PDB file of all heavy atoms in Angstrom:
ATOM      1  N   PHE A   1     -39.313 -19.202-123.652  1.00  0.00           N
ATOM      2  CA  PHE A   1     -40.031 -18.244-124.504  1.00  0.00           C
ATOM      3  C   PHE A   1     -41.520 -18.623-124.607  1.00  0.00           C
ATOM      4  O   PHE A   1     -42.392 -17.717-124.598  1.00  0.00           O
ATOM      5  CB  PHE A   1     -39.370 -18.143-125.904  1.00  0.00           C
ATOM      6  CG  PHE A   1     -38.018 -17.478-125.861  1.00  0.00           C
ATOM      7  CD1 PHE A   1     -36.846 -18.233-125.918  1.00  0.00           C
ATOM      8  CD2 PHE A   1     -37.916 -16.104-125.735  1.00  0.00           C
ATOM      9  CE1 PHE A   1     -35.614 -17.622-125.896  1.00  0.00           C
ATOM     10  CE2 PHE A   1     -36.721 -15.522-125.702  1.00  0.00           C
ATOM     11  CZ  PHE A   1     -35.526 -16.216-125.722  1.00  0.00           C
ATOM     12  N   ASP A   2     -41.794 -19.916-124.654  1.00  0.00           N
ATOM     13  CA  ASP A   2     -43.183 -20.362-124.710  1.00  0.00           C
ATOM     14  C   ASP A   2     -43.931 -19.971-123.406  1.00  0.00           C
ATOM     15  O   ASP A   2     -45.069 -19.557-123.429  1.00  0.00           O
ATOM     16  CB  ASP A   2     -43.227 -21.848-124.916  1.00  0.00           C
ATOM     17  CG  ASP A   2     -42.805 -22.328-126.296  1.00  0.00           C
ATOM     18  OD1 ASP A   2     -42.768 -21.457-127.233  1.00  0.00           O
ATOM     19  OD2 ASP A   2     -42.477 -23.511-126.461  1.00  0.00           O
ATOM     20  N   GLU A   3     -43.244 -20.135-122.248  1.00  0.00           N
ATOM     21  CA  GLU A   3     -43.780 -19.803-120.963  1.00  0.00           C
ATOM     22  C   GLU A   3     -44.109 -18.339-120.916  1.00  0.00           C
ATOM     23  O   GLU A   3     -45.194 -17.891-120.417  1.00  0.00           O
ATOM     24  CB  GLU A   3     -42.843 -20.147-119.821  1.00  0.00           C
ATOM     25  CG  GLU A   3     -42.637 -21.607-119.508  1.00  0.00           C
ATOM     26  CD  GLU A   3     -41.626 -21.797-118.415  1.00  0.00           C
ATOM     27  OE1 GLU A   3     -41.899 -21.410-117.287  1.00  0.00           O
ATOM     28  OE2 GLU A   3     -40.576 -22.371-118.708  1.00  0.00           O
ATOM     29  N   VAL A   4     -43.256 -17.462-121.413  1.00  0.00           N
ATOM     30  CA  VAL A   4     -43.432 -16.019-121.390  1.00  0.00           C
ATOM     31  C   VAL A   4     -44.553 -15.645-122.329  1.00  0.00           C
ATOM     32  O   VAL A   4     -45.445 -14.843-121.955  1.00  0.00           O
ATOM     33  CB  VAL A   4     -42.111 -15.335-121.769  1.00  0.00           C
ATOM     34  CG1 VAL A   4     -42.364 -13.793-121.976  1.00  0.00           C
ATOM     35  CG2 VAL A   4     -41.104 -15.504-120.690  1.00  0.00           C
ATOM     36  N   ASP A   5     -44.608 -16.232-123.535  1.00  0.00           N
ATOM     37  CA  ASP A   5     -45.707 -15.988-124.409  1.00  0.00           C
ATOM     38  C   ASP A   5     -47.088 -16.298-123.793  1.00  0.00           C
ATOM     39  O   ASP A   5     -48.054 -15.512-123.910  1.00  0.00           O
ATOM     40  CB  ASP A   5     -45.548 -16.818-125.735  1.00  0.00           C
ATOM     41  CG  ASP A   5     -44.427 -16.324-126.617  1.00  0.00           C
ATOM     42  OD1 ASP A   5     -43.906 -15.188-126.356  1.00  0.00           O
ATOM     43  OD2 ASP A   5     -44.069 -17.031-127.565  1.00  0.00           O
ATOM     44  N   GLU A   6     -47.137 -17.448-123.154  1.00  0.00           N
ATOM     45  CA  GLU A   6     -48.374 -17.862-122.526  1.00  0.00           C
ATOM     46  C   GLU A   6     -48.781 -16.946-121.378  1.00  0.00           C
ATOM     47  O   GLU A   6     -49.948 -16.565-121.219  1.00  0.00           O
ATOM     48  CB  GLU A   6     -48.276 -19.316-122.060  1.00  0.00           C
ATOM     49  CG  GLU A   6     -49.544 -19.846-121.431  1.00  0.00           C
ATOM     50  CD  GLU A   6     -49.457 -21.281-121.024  1.00  0.00           C
ATOM     51  OE1 GLU A   6     -48.445 -21.919-121.323  1.00  0.00           O
ATOM     52  OE2 GLU A   6     -50.453 -21.794-120.420  1.00  0.00           O
ATOM     53  N   ALA A   7     -47.762 -16.591-120.573  1.00  0.00           N
ATOM     54  CA  ALA A   7     -48.075 -15.685-119.452  1.00  0.00           C
ATOM     55  C   ALA A   7     -48.579 -14.291-119.860  1.00  0.00           C
ATOM     56  O   ALA A   7     -49.432 -13.772-119.234  1.00  0.00           O
ATOM     57  CB  ALA A   7     -46.783 -15.541-118.613  1.00  0.00           C
ATOM     58  N   LEU A   8     -48.064 -13.852-120.968  1.00  0.00           N
ATOM     59  CA  LEU A   8     -48.482 -12.479-121.443  1.00  0.00           C
ATOM     60  C   LEU A   8     -49.663 -12.547-122.394  1.00  0.00           C
ATOM     61  O   LEU A   8     -50.208 -11.509-122.724  1.00  0.00           O
ATOM     62  CB  LEU A   8     -47.260 -11.816-122.099  1.00  0.00           C
ATOM     63  CG  LEU A   8     -46.082 -11.542-121.243  1.00  0.00           C
ATOM     64  CD1 LEU A   8     -44.957 -10.833-122.040  1.00  0.00           C
ATOM     65  CD2 LEU A   8     -46.451 -10.727-120.037  1.00  0.00           C
ATOM     66  N   GLY A   9     -49.975 -13.744-122.870  1.00  0.00           N
ATOM     67  CA  GLY A   9     -51.096 -13.837-123.812  1.00  0.00           C
ATOM     68  C   GLY A   9     -50.772 -13.285-125.174  1.00  0.00           C
ATOM     69  O   GLY A   9     -51.707 -12.807-125.874  1.00  0.00           O
ATOM     70  N   GLU A  10     -49.539 -13.316-125.587  1.00  0.00           N
ATOM     71  CA  GLU A  10     -49.117 -12.779-126.868  1.00  0.00           C
ATOM     72  C   GLU A  10     -47.764 -13.426-127.272  1.00  0.00           C
ATOM     73  O   GLU A  10     -47.105 -14.016-126.431  1.00  0.00           O
ATOM     74  CB  GLU A  10     -48.971 -11.272-126.857  1.00  0.00           C
ATOM     75  CG  GLU A  10     -47.866 -10.804-125.929  1.00  0.00           C
ATOM     76  CD  GLU A  10     -47.779  -9.304-125.889  1.00  0.00           C
ATOM     77  OE1 GLU A  10     -48.674  -8.586-125.332  1.00  0.00           O
ATOM     78  OE2 GLU A  10     -46.797  -8.750-126.397  1.00  0.00           O
ATOM     79  N   ARG A  11     -47.463 -13.293-128.576  1.00  0.00           N
ATOM     80  CA  ARG A  11     -46.186 -13.911-129.048  1.00  0.00           C
ATOM     81  C   ARG A  11     -45.065 -12.893-128.898  1.00  0.00           C
ATOM     82  O   ARG A  11     -44.558 -12.340-129.902  1.00  0.00           O
ATOM     83  CB  ARG A  11     -46.381 -14.327-130.503  1.00  0.00           C
ATOM     84  CG  ARG A  11     -47.256 -15.598-130.669  1.00  0.00           C
ATOM     85  CD  ARG A  11     -46.638 -16.841-130.020  1.00  0.00           C
ATOM     86  NE  ARG A  11     -45.320 -17.134-130.552  1.00  0.00           N
ATOM     87  CZ  ARG A  11     -45.141 -17.770-131.640  1.00  0.00           C
ATOM     88  NH1 ARG A  11     -46.149 -18.218-132.422  1.00  0.00           N
ATOM     89  NH2 ARG A  11     -43.913 -18.022-132.115  1.00  0.00           N
ATOM     90  N   LEU A  12     -44.626 -12.651-127.677  1.00  0.00           N
ATOM     91  CA  LEU A  12     -43.459 -11.772-127.497  1.00  0.00           C
ATOM     92  C   LEU A  12     -42.245 -12.318-128.174  1.00  0.00           C
ATOM     93  O   LEU A  12     -41.411 -11.600-128.681  1.00  0.00           O
ATOM     94  CB  LEU A  12     -43.185 -11.588-125.998  1.00  0.00           C
ATOM     95  CG  LEU A  12     -42.093 -10.582-125.610  1.00  0.00           C
ATOM     96  CD1 LEU A  12     -42.499  -9.153-126.014  1.00  0.00           C
ATOM     97  CD2 LEU A  12     -41.781 -10.676-124.136  1.00  0.00           C
ATOM     98  N   SER A  13     -42.156 -13.672-128.289  1.00  0.00           N
ATOM     99  CA  SER A  13     -41.037 -14.268-128.935  1.00  0.00           C
ATOM    100  C   SER A  13     -40.909 -13.861-130.403  1.00  0.00           C
ATOM    101  O   SER A  13     -39.810 -13.685-130.899  1.00  0.00           O
ATOM    102  CB  SER A  13     -41.111 -15.806-128.826  1.00  0.00           C
ATOM    103  OG  SER A  13     -42.290 -16.314-129.383  1.00  0.00           O
ATOM    104  N   SER A  14     -42.026 -13.703-131.064  1.00  0.00           N
ATOM    105  CA  SER A  14     -42.014 -13.266-132.438  1.00  0.00           C
ATOM    106  C   SER A  14     -41.443 -11.855-132.585  1.00  0.00           C
ATOM    107  O   SER A  14     -40.729 -11.559-133.446  1.00  0.00           O
ATOM    108  CB  SER A  14     -43.448 -13.311-133.040  1.00  0.00           C
ATOM    109  OG  SER A  14     -43.883 -14.661-133.123  1.00  0.00           O
ATOM    110  N   LEU A  15     -41.860 -11.012-131.609  1.00  0.00           N
ATOM    111  CA  LEU A  15     -41.315  -9.672-131.593  1.00  0.00           C
ATOM    112  C   LEU A  15     -39.812  -9.667-131.341  1.00  0.00           C
ATOM    113  O   LEU A  15     -38.990  -8.951-132.024  1.00  0.00           O
ATOM    114  CB  LEU A  15     -42.037  -8.808-130.540  1.00  0.00           C
ATOM    115  CG  LEU A  15     -41.421  -7.446-130.212  1.00  0.00           C
ATOM    116  CD1 LEU A  15     -41.439  -6.562-131.494  1.00  0.00           C
ATOM    117  CD2 LEU A  15     -42.159  -6.734-129.084  1.00  0.00           C
ATOM    118  N   ILE A  16     -39.358 -10.492-130.433  1.00  0.00           N
ATOM    119  CA  ILE A  16     -37.949 -10.554-130.086  1.00  0.00           C
ATOM    120  C   ILE A  16     -37.140 -11.023-131.293  1.00  0.00           C
ATOM    121  O   ILE A  16     -36.036 -10.509-131.559  1.00  0.00           O
ATOM    122  CB  ILE A  16     -37.747 -11.570-128.933  1.00  0.00           C
ATOM    123  CG1 ILE A  16     -38.419 -11.022-127.646  1.00  0.00           C
ATOM    124  CG2 ILE A  16     -36.257 -11.741-128.661  1.00  0.00           C
ATOM    125  CD1 ILE A  16     -38.438 -12.035-126.502  1.00  0.00           C
ATOM    126  N   TRP A  17     -37.614 -12.000-132.038  1.00  0.00           N
ATOM    127  CA  TRP A  17     -36.814 -12.556-133.106  1.00  0.00           C
ATOM    128  C   TRP A  17     -37.048 -12.008-134.448  1.00  0.00           C
ATOM    129  O   TRP A  17     -36.188 -12.052-135.357  1.00  0.00           O
ATOM    130  CB  TRP A  17     -37.089 -14.140-133.129  1.00  0.00           C
ATOM    131  CG  TRP A  17     -36.726 -14.849-131.908  1.00  0.00           C
ATOM    132  CD1 TRP A  17     -35.670 -14.433-131.008  1.00  0.00           C
ATOM    133  CD2 TRP A  17     -37.267 -16.018-131.337  1.00  0.00           C
ATOM    134  NE1 TRP A  17     -35.621 -15.295-129.975  1.00  0.00           N
ATOM    135  CE2 TRP A  17     -36.598 -16.299-130.140  1.00  0.00           C
ATOM    136  CE3 TRP A  17     -38.277 -16.880-131.746  1.00  0.00           C
ATOM    137  CZ2 TRP A  17     -36.832 -17.419-129.374  1.00  0.00           C
ATOM    138  CZ3 TRP A  17     -38.564 -17.998-130.945  1.00  0.00           C
ATOM    139  CH2 TRP A  17     -37.845 -18.246-129.792  1.00  0.00           C
ATOM    140  N   GLU A  18     -38.269 -11.458-134.717  1.00  0.00           N
ATOM    141  CA  GLU A  18     -38.544 -10.971-136.068  1.00  0.00           C
ATOM    142  C   GLU A  18     -39.186  -9.607-136.081  1.00  0.00           C
ATOM    143  O   GLU A  18     -39.579  -9.148-137.214  1.00  0.00           O
ATOM    144  CB  GLU A  18     -39.578 -11.996-136.708  1.00  0.00           C
ATOM    145  CG  GLU A  18     -39.070 -13.424-136.731  1.00  0.00           C
ATOM    146  CD  GLU A  18     -40.183 -14.445-136.931  1.00  0.00           C
ATOM    147  OE1 GLU A  18     -41.325 -13.997-136.953  1.00  0.00           O
ATOM    148  OE2 GLU A  18     -39.831 -15.626-137.040  1.00  0.00           O
ATOM    149  N   GLY A  19     -39.292  -8.962-134.990  1.00  0.00           N
ATOM    150  CA  GLY A  19     -39.978  -7.632-134.971  1.00  0.00           C
ATOM    151  C   GLY A  19     -39.088  -6.457-135.255  1.00  0.00           C
ATOM    152  O   GLY A  19     -37.970  -6.547-135.764  1.00  0.00           O
ATOM    153  N   GLU A  20     -39.600  -5.257-134.929  1.00  0.00           N
ATOM    154  CA  GLU A  20     -38.954  -4.037-135.154  1.00  0.00           C
ATOM    155  C   GLU A  20     -38.255  -3.616-133.807  1.00  0.00           C
ATOM    156  O   GLU A  20     -38.867  -3.735-132.755  1.00  0.00           O
ATOM    157  CB  GLU A  20     -39.876  -2.946-135.615  1.00  0.00           C
ATOM    158  CG  GLU A  20     -40.560  -3.205-136.969  1.00  0.00           C
ATOM    159  CD  GLU A  20     -39.526  -3.196-138.101  1.00  0.00           C
ATOM    160  OE1 GLU A  20     -38.509  -2.425-138.008  1.00  0.00           O
ATOM    161  OE2 GLU A  20     -39.756  -3.935-139.056  1.00  0.00           O
ATOM    162  N   ILE A  21     -37.019  -3.131-133.920  1.00  0.00           N
ATOM    163  CA  ILE A  21     -36.316  -2.792-132.686  1.00  0.00           C
ATOM    164  C   ILE A  21     -37.005  -1.649-131.905  1.00  0.00           C
ATOM    165  O   ILE A  21     -36.993  -1.627-130.670  1.00  0.00           O
ATOM    166  CB  ILE A  21     -34.856  -2.405-133.001  1.00  0.00           C
ATOM    167  CG1 ILE A  21     -34.018  -2.201-131.718  1.00  0.00           C
ATOM    168  CG2 ILE A  21     -34.802  -1.145-133.859  1.00  0.00           C
ATOM    169  CD1 ILE A  21     -33.895  -3.443-130.871  1.00  0.00           C
ATOM    170  N   ASP A  22     -37.672  -0.712-132.593  1.00  0.00           N
ATOM    171  CA  ASP A  22     -38.373   0.347-131.858  1.00  0.00           C
ATOM    172  C   ASP A  22     -39.474  -0.207-131.005  1.00  0.00           C
ATOM    173  O   ASP A  22     -39.738   0.265-129.894  1.00  0.00           O
ATOM    174  CB  ASP A  22     -38.937   1.389-132.855  1.00  0.00           C
ATOM    175  CG  ASP A  22     -37.868   2.233-133.501  1.00  0.00           C
ATOM    176  OD1 ASP A  22     -36.726   2.171-133.032  1.00  0.00           O
ATOM    177  OD2 ASP A  22     -38.198   2.916-134.472  1.00  0.00           O
ATOM    178  N   THR A  23     -40.178  -1.230-131.459  1.00  0.00           N
ATOM    179  CA  THR A  23     -41.272  -1.872-130.708  1.00  0.00           C
ATOM    180  C   THR A  23     -40.694  -2.701-129.568  1.00  0.00           C
ATOM    181  O   THR A  23     -41.171  -2.662-128.440  1.00  0.00           O
ATOM    182  CB  THR A  23     -42.119  -2.729-131.615  1.00  0.00           C
ATOM    183  OG1 THR A  23     -42.560  -1.959-132.697  1.00  0.00           O
ATOM    184  CG2 THR A  23     -43.319  -3.291-130.862  1.00  0.00           C
ATOM    185  N   LEU A  24     -39.563  -3.427-129.840  1.00  0.00           N
ATOM    186  CA  LEU A  24     -38.971  -4.211-128.796  1.00  0.00           C
ATOM    187  C   LEU A  24     -38.398  -3.319-127.674  1.00  0.00           C
ATOM    188  O   LEU A  24     -38.407  -3.700-126.500  1.00  0.00           O
ATOM    189  CB  LEU A  24     -37.848  -5.058-129.399  1.00  0.00           C
ATOM    190  CG  LEU A  24     -37.051  -5.924-128.389  1.00  0.00           C
ATOM    191  CD1 LEU A  24     -38.003  -6.944-127.675  1.00  0.00           C
ATOM    192  CD2 LEU A  24     -35.890  -6.673-129.100  1.00  0.00           C
ATOM    193  N   THR A  25     -37.933  -2.137-128.069  1.00  0.00           N
ATOM    194  CA  THR A  25     -37.325  -1.232-127.083  1.00  0.00           C
ATOM    195  C   THR A  25     -38.346  -0.569-126.139  1.00  0.00           C
ATOM    196  O   THR A  25     -37.950  -0.046-125.150  1.00  0.00           O
ATOM    197  CB  THR A  25     -36.483  -0.181-127.814  1.00  0.00           C
ATOM    198  OG1 THR A  25     -35.446  -0.832-128.505  1.00  0.00           O
ATOM    199  CG2 THR A  25     -35.818   0.831-126.910  1.00  0.00           C
ATOM    200  N   LEU A  26     -39.648  -0.589-126.522  1.00  0.00           N
ATOM    201  CA  LEU A  26     -40.631  -0.062-125.601  1.00  0.00           C
ATOM    202  C   LEU A  26     -40.512  -0.743-124.233  1.00  0.00           C
ATOM    203  O   LEU A  26     -40.358  -1.983-124.173  1.00  0.00           O
ATOM    204  CB  LEU A  26     -42.019  -0.321-126.139  1.00  0.00           C
ATOM    205  CG  LEU A  26     -42.437   0.522-127.410  1.00  0.00           C
ATOM    206  CD1 LEU A  26     -43.769   0.039-127.950  1.00  0.00           C
ATOM    207  CD2 LEU A  26     -42.466   2.007-127.127  1.00  0.00           C
ATOM    208  N   THR A  27     -40.549   0.053-123.232  1.00  0.00           N
ATOM    209  CA  THR A  27     -40.206  -0.466-121.863  1.00  0.00           C
ATOM    210  C   THR A  27     -41.004  -1.706-121.487  1.00  0.00           C
ATOM    211  O   THR A  27     -40.448  -2.667-120.950  1.00  0.00           O
ATOM    212  CB  THR A  27     -40.420   0.641-120.829  1.00  0.00           C
ATOM    213  OG1 THR A  27     -39.626   1.751-121.211  1.00  0.00           O
ATOM    214  CG2 THR A  27     -40.001   0.213-119.479  1.00  0.00           C
ATOM    215  N   GLN A  28     -42.304  -1.708-121.834  1.00  0.00           N
ATOM    216  CA  GLN A  28     -43.118  -2.860-121.407  1.00  0.00           C
ATOM    217  C   GLN A  28     -42.837  -4.103-122.222  1.00  0.00           C
ATOM    218  O   GLN A  28     -43.183  -5.214-121.785  1.00  0.00           O
ATOM    219  CB  GLN A  28     -44.629  -2.501-121.627  1.00  0.00           C
ATOM    220  CG  GLN A  28     -45.035  -2.278-123.080  1.00  0.00           C
ATOM    221  CD  GLN A  28     -45.065  -0.818-123.394  1.00  0.00           C
ATOM    222  OE1 GLN A  28     -44.292  -0.013-122.882  1.00  0.00           O
ATOM    223  NE2 GLN A  28     -45.947  -0.394-124.345  1.00  0.00           N
ATOM    224  N   ASN A  29     -42.064  -3.994-123.348  1.00  0.00           N
ATOM    225  CA  ASN A  29     -41.652  -5.141-124.131  1.00  0.00           C
ATOM    226  C   ASN A  29     -40.201  -5.546-123.757  1.00  0.00           C
ATOM    227  O   ASN A  29     -39.900  -6.715-123.612  1.00  0.00           O
ATOM    228  CB  ASN A  29     -41.758  -4.867-125.633  1.00  0.00           C
ATOM    229  CG  ASN A  29     -43.177  -4.726-126.108  1.00  0.00           C
ATOM    230  OD1 ASN A  29     -44.106  -5.356-125.563  1.00  0.00           O
ATOM    231  ND2 ASN A  29     -43.389  -3.892-127.077  1.00  0.00           N
ATOM    232  N   ALA A  30     -39.329  -4.544-123.668  1.00  0.00           N
ATOM    233  CA  ALA A  30     -37.949  -4.851-123.422  1.00  0.00           C
ATOM    234  C   ALA A  30     -37.689  -5.551-122.087  1.00  0.00           C
ATOM    235  O   ALA A  30     -36.895  -6.475-121.990  1.00  0.00           O
ATOM    236  CB  ALA A  30     -37.104  -3.543-123.423  1.00  0.00           C
ATOM    237  N   GLN A  31     -38.486  -5.219-121.064  1.00  0.00           N
ATOM    238  CA  GLN A  31     -38.230  -5.759-119.745  1.00  0.00           C
ATOM    239  C   GLN A  31     -38.513  -7.265-119.721  1.00  0.00           C
ATOM    240  O   GLN A  31     -37.649  -8.064-119.338  1.00  0.00           O
ATOM    241  CB  GLN A  31     -38.970  -4.989-118.671  1.00  0.00           C
ATOM    242  CG  GLN A  31     -38.473  -3.556-118.579  1.00  0.00           C
ATOM    243  CD  GLN A  31     -38.806  -2.859-117.246  1.00  0.00           C
ATOM    244  OE1 GLN A  31     -39.208  -3.497-116.272  1.00  0.00           O
ATOM    245  NE2 GLN A  31     -38.689  -1.554-117.198  1.00  0.00           N
ATOM    246  N   PRO A  32     -39.729  -7.730-120.090  1.00  0.00           N
ATOM    247  CA  PRO A  32     -39.936  -9.196-120.123  1.00  0.00           C
ATOM    248  C   PRO A  32     -39.116  -9.902-121.118  1.00  0.00           C
ATOM    249  O   PRO A  32     -38.705 -11.042-120.950  1.00  0.00           O
ATOM    250  CB  PRO A  32     -41.434  -9.330-120.353  1.00  0.00           C
ATOM    251  CG  PRO A  32     -41.884  -8.029-120.994  1.00  0.00           C
ATOM    252  CD  PRO A  32     -40.965  -7.019-120.430  1.00  0.00           C
ATOM    253  N   ALA A  33     -38.817  -9.215-122.282  1.00  0.00           N
ATOM    254  CA  ALA A  33     -37.982  -9.879-123.284  1.00  0.00           C
ATOM    255  C   ALA A  33     -36.539 -10.169-122.840  1.00  0.00           C
ATOM    256  O   ALA A  33     -35.999 -11.221-123.111  1.00  0.00           O
ATOM    257  CB  ALA A  33     -37.961  -8.967-124.549  1.00  0.00           C
ATOM    258  N   LEU A  34     -36.008  -9.203-122.159  1.00  0.00           N
ATOM    259  CA  LEU A  34     -34.649  -9.404-121.617  1.00  0.00           C
ATOM    260  C   LEU A  34     -34.576 -10.489-120.541  1.00  0.00           C
ATOM    261  O   LEU A  34     -33.672 -11.300-120.474  1.00  0.00           O
ATOM    262  CB  LEU A  34     -34.065  -8.109-121.061  1.00  0.00           C
ATOM    263  CG  LEU A  34     -33.649  -7.150-122.210  1.00  0.00           C
ATOM    264  CD1 LEU A  34     -33.525  -5.713-121.660  1.00  0.00           C
ATOM    265  CD2 LEU A  34     -32.361  -7.566-122.813  1.00  0.00           C
ATOM    266  N   MET A  35     -35.653 -10.540-119.707  1.00  0.00           N
ATOM    267  CA  MET A  35     -35.712 -11.612-118.705  1.00  0.00           C
ATOM    268  C   MET A  35     -35.847 -12.946-119.390  1.00  0.00           C
ATOM    269  O   MET A  35     -35.156 -13.905-118.989  1.00  0.00           O
ATOM    270  CB  MET A  35     -36.943 -11.370-117.787  1.00  0.00           C
ATOM    271  CG  MET A  35     -37.090 -12.421-116.681  1.00  0.00           C
ATOM    272  SD  MET A  35     -37.904 -13.939-117.169  1.00  0.00           S
ATOM    273  CE  MET A  35     -39.518 -13.328-117.656  1.00  0.00           C
ATOM    274  N   ALA A  36     -36.673 -13.038-120.445  1.00  0.00           N
ATOM    275  CA  ALA A  36     -36.832 -14.295-121.120  1.00  0.00           C
ATOM    276  C   ALA A  36     -35.501 -14.779-121.707  1.00  0.00           C
ATOM    277  O   ALA A  36     -35.142 -15.982-121.655  1.00  0.00           O
ATOM    278  CB  ALA A  36     -37.888 -14.130-122.254  1.00  0.00           C
ATOM    279  N   THR A  37     -34.775 -13.836-122.304  1.00  0.00           N
ATOM    280  CA  THR A  37     -33.468 -14.240-122.921  1.00  0.00           C
ATOM    281  C   THR A  37     -32.485 -14.683-121.860  1.00  0.00           C
ATOM    282  O   THR A  37     -31.778 -15.709-122.063  1.00  0.00           O
ATOM    283  CB  THR A  37     -32.909 -13.029-123.737  1.00  0.00           C
ATOM    284  OG1 THR A  37     -33.886 -12.633-124.730  1.00  0.00           O
ATOM    285  CG2 THR A  37     -31.664 -13.405-124.433  1.00  0.00           C
ATOM    286  N   SER A  38     -32.423 -13.989-120.765  1.00  0.00           N
ATOM    287  CA  SER A  38     -31.544 -14.457-119.658  1.00  0.00           C
ATOM    288  C   SER A  38     -31.940 -15.830-119.156  1.00  0.00           C
ATOM    289  O   SER A  38     -31.065 -16.661-118.909  1.00  0.00           O
ATOM    290  CB  SER A  38     -31.593 -13.435-118.503  1.00  0.00           C
ATOM    291  OG  SER A  38     -30.935 -12.201-118.874  1.00  0.00           O
ATOM    292  N   MET A  39     -33.220 -16.083-118.960  1.00  0.00           N
ATOM    293  CA  MET A  39     -33.652 -17.367-118.468  1.00  0.00           C
ATOM    294  C   MET A  39     -33.484 -18.459-119.481  1.00  0.00           C
ATOM    295  O   MET A  39     -33.174 -19.631-119.184  1.00  0.00           O
ATOM    296  CB  MET A  39     -35.078 -17.325-118.001  1.00  0.00           C
ATOM    297  CG  MET A  39     -35.284 -16.635-116.655  1.00  0.00           C
ATOM    298  SD  MET A  39     -34.250 -17.380-115.357  1.00  0.00           S
ATOM    299  CE  MET A  39     -34.821 -19.090-115.433  1.00  0.00           C
TER     300      MET A  39
END
């Protein structure tokens, strides 16, 4: 999750763990987020 945050220049991990589902479901967020969780 730290690698993904650094690569994107934002705290995607905060969105994944504490954010709103509507924002996480946005395609540009859901795709890297699901990869991060799988990895």
